[in-house]
Amino acid sequence: MPKMKTKKSAAKRYSFTGSGKVKYKKQNLRHILTKKSSKRKRNLRHAGILSSDNVGVIKKKLLPYG
């Protein structure tokens, strides 16, 4: 059986923590920043953790060797 291919778009968007959780960069911090509050922009800087019900899809289908 051939090796499974990693979805490269997912590999650029997600990464795994040491405990197996999935990290991602939050959206809405690229442009039109003047109308967003400083508090909102500050909270968007930190990485988000994907909810546990979506982790299986990422691990199995998109990043099989992650």
N, C-alpha and C. Protein backbone atom coordinates (compact mmCIF):
# COMPACT_ATOMS: atom_id res chain seq x y z
N MET A 1 0.84 -1.18 0.00
CA MET A 1 0.00 0.00 0.00
C MET A 1 0.89 1.25 0.00
N PRO A 2 0.59 2.24 -0.85
CA PRO A 2 1.45 3.43 -0.92
C PRO A 2 1.28 4.31 0.32
N LYS A 3 2.25 5.17 0.50
CA LYS A 3 2.18 6.12 1.60
C LYS A 3 1.04 7.10 1.37
N MET A 4 0.46 7.59 2.47
CA MET A 4 -0.57 8.62 2.37
C MET A 4 0.11 9.97 2.21
N LYS A 5 -0.49 10.84 1.42
CA LYS A 5 0.08 12.17 1.23
C LYS A 5 -0.51 13.13 2.27
N THR A 6 0.35 13.97 2.80
CA THR A 6 -0.09 15.04 3.69
C THR A 6 -0.71 16.15 2.86
N LYS A 7 -1.84 16.69 3.32
CA LYS A 7 -2.43 17.86 2.66
C LYS A 7 -1.56 19.06 3.04
N LYS A 8 -0.83 19.59 2.05
CA LYS A 8 0.14 20.63 2.32
C LYS A 8 -0.52 21.92 2.82
N SER A 9 -1.74 22.20 2.37
CA SER A 9 -2.42 23.39 2.86
C SER A 9 -2.71 23.27 4.36
N ALA A 10 -3.06 22.07 4.81
CA ALA A 10 -3.31 21.85 6.24
C ALA A 10 -2.00 21.89 7.03
N ALA A 11 -0.92 21.39 6.43
CA ALA A 11 0.36 21.38 7.12
C ALA A 11 0.85 22.80 7.39
N LYS A 12 0.50 23.74 6.52
CA LYS A 12 0.90 25.13 6.71
C LYS A 12 0.03 25.82 7.75
N ARG A 13 -1.18 25.33 7.97
CA ARG A 13 -2.12 25.99 8.87
C ARG A 13 -2.12 25.44 10.28
N TYR A 14 -1.83 24.16 10.44
CA TYR A 14 -1.94 23.51 11.74
C TYR A 14 -0.62 22.91 12.17
N SER A 15 -0.42 22.85 13.47
CA SER A 15 0.73 22.12 14.03
C SER A 15 0.27 21.48 15.32
N PHE A 16 1.03 20.47 15.77
CA PHE A 16 0.65 19.73 16.96
C PHE A 16 1.48 20.17 18.15
N THR A 17 0.85 20.19 19.31
CA THR A 17 1.56 20.44 20.56
C THR A 17 2.14 19.12 21.05
N GLY A 18 2.92 19.18 22.10
CA GLY A 18 3.52 17.97 22.64
C GLY A 18 2.51 16.98 23.17
N SER A 19 1.37 17.48 23.65
CA SER A 19 0.35 16.60 24.21
C SER A 19 -0.65 16.13 23.16
N GLY A 20 -0.46 16.53 21.89
CA GLY A 20 -1.32 16.05 20.81
C GLY A 20 -2.46 16.97 20.43
N LYS A 21 -2.53 18.15 21.04
CA LYS A 21 -3.56 19.10 20.65
C LYS A 21 -3.14 19.77 19.34
N VAL A 22 -4.11 20.38 18.66
CA VAL A 22 -3.83 21.01 17.37
C VAL A 22 -3.85 22.53 17.54
N LYS A 23 -2.74 23.18 17.15
CA LYS A 23 -2.59 24.63 17.22
C LYS A 23 -2.85 25.24 15.85
N TYR A 24 -3.39 26.46 15.84
CA TYR A 24 -3.58 27.19 14.58
C TYR A 24 -3.47 28.68 14.85
N LYS A 25 -3.19 29.44 13.80
CA LYS A 25 -3.14 30.90 13.93
C LYS A 25 -4.54 31.45 13.72
N LYS A 26 -4.94 32.35 14.61
CA LYS A 26 -6.28 32.92 14.52
C LYS A 26 -6.40 33.85 13.32
N GLN A 27 -7.60 33.96 12.79
CA GLN A 27 -7.85 34.79 11.62
C GLN A 27 -8.19 36.22 12.05
N ASN A 28 -8.39 37.10 11.06
CA ASN A 28 -8.81 38.50 11.24
C ASN A 28 -7.71 39.42 11.76
N LEU A 29 -6.45 39.14 11.45
CA LEU A 29 -5.39 40.04 11.90
C LEU A 29 -4.52 40.47 10.72
N ARG A 30 -5.06 40.49 9.52
CA ARG A 30 -4.27 40.82 8.33
C ARG A 30 -4.48 42.25 7.84
N HIS A 31 -5.71 42.69 7.76
CA HIS A 31 -5.98 44.04 7.24
C HIS A 31 -7.25 44.57 7.88
N ILE A 32 -7.58 45.83 7.59
CA ILE A 32 -8.70 46.55 8.22
C ILE A 32 -8.57 46.46 9.74
N LEU A 33 -7.42 46.88 10.23
CA LEU A 33 -7.14 46.77 11.67
C LEU A 33 -7.55 48.01 12.45
N THR A 34 -7.86 49.10 11.75
CA THR A 34 -8.15 50.34 12.47
C THR A 34 -9.46 50.27 13.25
N LYS A 35 -10.43 49.54 12.74
CA LYS A 35 -11.72 49.47 13.44
C LYS A 35 -11.77 48.40 14.52
N LYS A 36 -10.72 47.61 14.63
CA LYS A 36 -10.68 46.57 15.66
C LYS A 36 -9.99 47.12 16.91
N SER A 37 -10.52 46.78 18.05
CA SER A 37 -9.97 47.30 19.29
C SER A 37 -8.61 46.68 19.60
N SER A 38 -7.83 47.37 20.44
CA SER A 38 -6.52 46.88 20.82
C SER A 38 -6.64 45.55 21.56
N LYS A 39 -7.66 45.42 22.38
CA LYS A 39 -7.86 44.18 23.14
C LYS A 39 -8.13 43.01 22.19
N ARG A 40 -8.95 43.26 21.17
CA ARG A 40 -9.27 42.20 20.21
C ARG A 40 -8.02 41.78 19.42
N LYS A 41 -7.24 42.77 18.98
CA LYS A 41 -6.02 42.46 18.22
C LYS A 41 -5.00 41.73 19.08
N ARG A 42 -4.90 42.10 20.34
CA ARG A 42 -3.97 41.46 21.27
C ARG A 42 -4.36 39.99 21.48
N ASN A 43 -5.64 39.72 21.61
CA ASN A 43 -6.10 38.34 21.81
C ASN A 43 -5.96 37.50 20.55
N LEU A 44 -5.98 38.12 19.38
CA LEU A 44 -5.84 37.39 18.13
C LEU A 44 -4.39 36.97 17.86
N ARG A 45 -3.43 37.60 18.56
CA ARG A 45 -2.02 37.26 18.34
C ARG A 45 -1.68 35.85 18.80
N HIS A 46 -2.33 35.40 19.86
CA HIS A 46 -2.00 34.11 20.45
C HIS A 46 -2.56 32.98 19.61
N ALA A 47 -1.88 31.86 19.62
CA ALA A 47 -2.34 30.69 18.87
C ALA A 47 -3.62 30.14 19.48
N GLY A 48 -4.49 29.61 18.62
CA GLY A 48 -5.71 28.97 19.09
C GLY A 48 -5.51 27.47 19.18
N ILE A 49 -6.30 26.84 20.03
CA ILE A 49 -6.28 25.38 20.17
C ILE A 49 -7.59 24.86 19.60
N LEU A 50 -7.48 23.93 18.66
CA LEU A 50 -8.65 23.37 18.01
C LEU A 50 -9.45 22.53 18.98
N SER A 51 -10.79 22.56 18.87
CA SER A 51 -11.62 21.77 19.77
C SER A 51 -11.41 20.28 19.51
N SER A 52 -11.65 19.49 20.53
CA SER A 52 -11.29 18.07 20.48
C SER A 52 -12.10 17.28 19.46
N ASP A 53 -13.32 17.72 19.11
CA ASP A 53 -14.11 16.97 18.13
C ASP A 53 -13.59 17.13 16.71
N ASN A 54 -12.78 18.14 16.43
CA ASN A 54 -12.21 18.32 15.10
C ASN A 54 -10.79 17.77 14.97
N VAL A 55 -10.20 17.40 16.07
CA VAL A 55 -8.81 16.93 16.05
C VAL A 55 -8.68 15.63 15.25
N GLY A 56 -9.66 14.74 15.37
CA GLY A 56 -9.61 13.47 14.66
C GLY A 56 -9.57 13.63 13.16
N VAL A 57 -10.32 14.57 12.65
CA VAL A 57 -10.36 14.82 11.20
C VAL A 57 -9.01 15.31 10.72
N ILE A 58 -8.41 16.22 11.47
CA ILE A 58 -7.11 16.77 11.09
C ILE A 58 -6.05 15.67 11.10
N LYS A 59 -6.03 14.87 12.17
CA LYS A 59 -5.01 13.83 12.29
C LYS A 59 -5.17 12.72 11.27
N LYS A 60 -6.40 12.30 11.02
CA LYS A 60 -6.63 11.13 10.17
C LYS A 60 -6.55 11.47 8.69
N LYS A 61 -7.22 12.54 8.28
CA LYS A 61 -7.35 12.81 6.84
C LYS A 61 -6.31 13.80 6.31
N LEU A 62 -6.02 14.85 7.08
CA LEU A 62 -5.19 15.91 6.54
C LEU A 62 -3.71 15.76 6.87
N LEU A 63 -3.43 15.36 8.10
CA LEU A 63 -2.03 15.23 8.53
C LEU A 63 -1.81 13.83 9.09
N PRO A 64 -1.79 12.81 8.23
CA PRO A 64 -1.72 11.44 8.72
C PRO A 64 -0.44 11.10 9.46
N TYR A 65 0.66 11.82 9.19
CA TYR A 65 1.93 11.52 9.85
C TYR A 65 2.29 12.58 10.89
N GLY A 66 1.31 13.40 11.26
CA GLY A 66 1.56 14.47 12.22
C GLY A 66 1.58 14.00 13.66
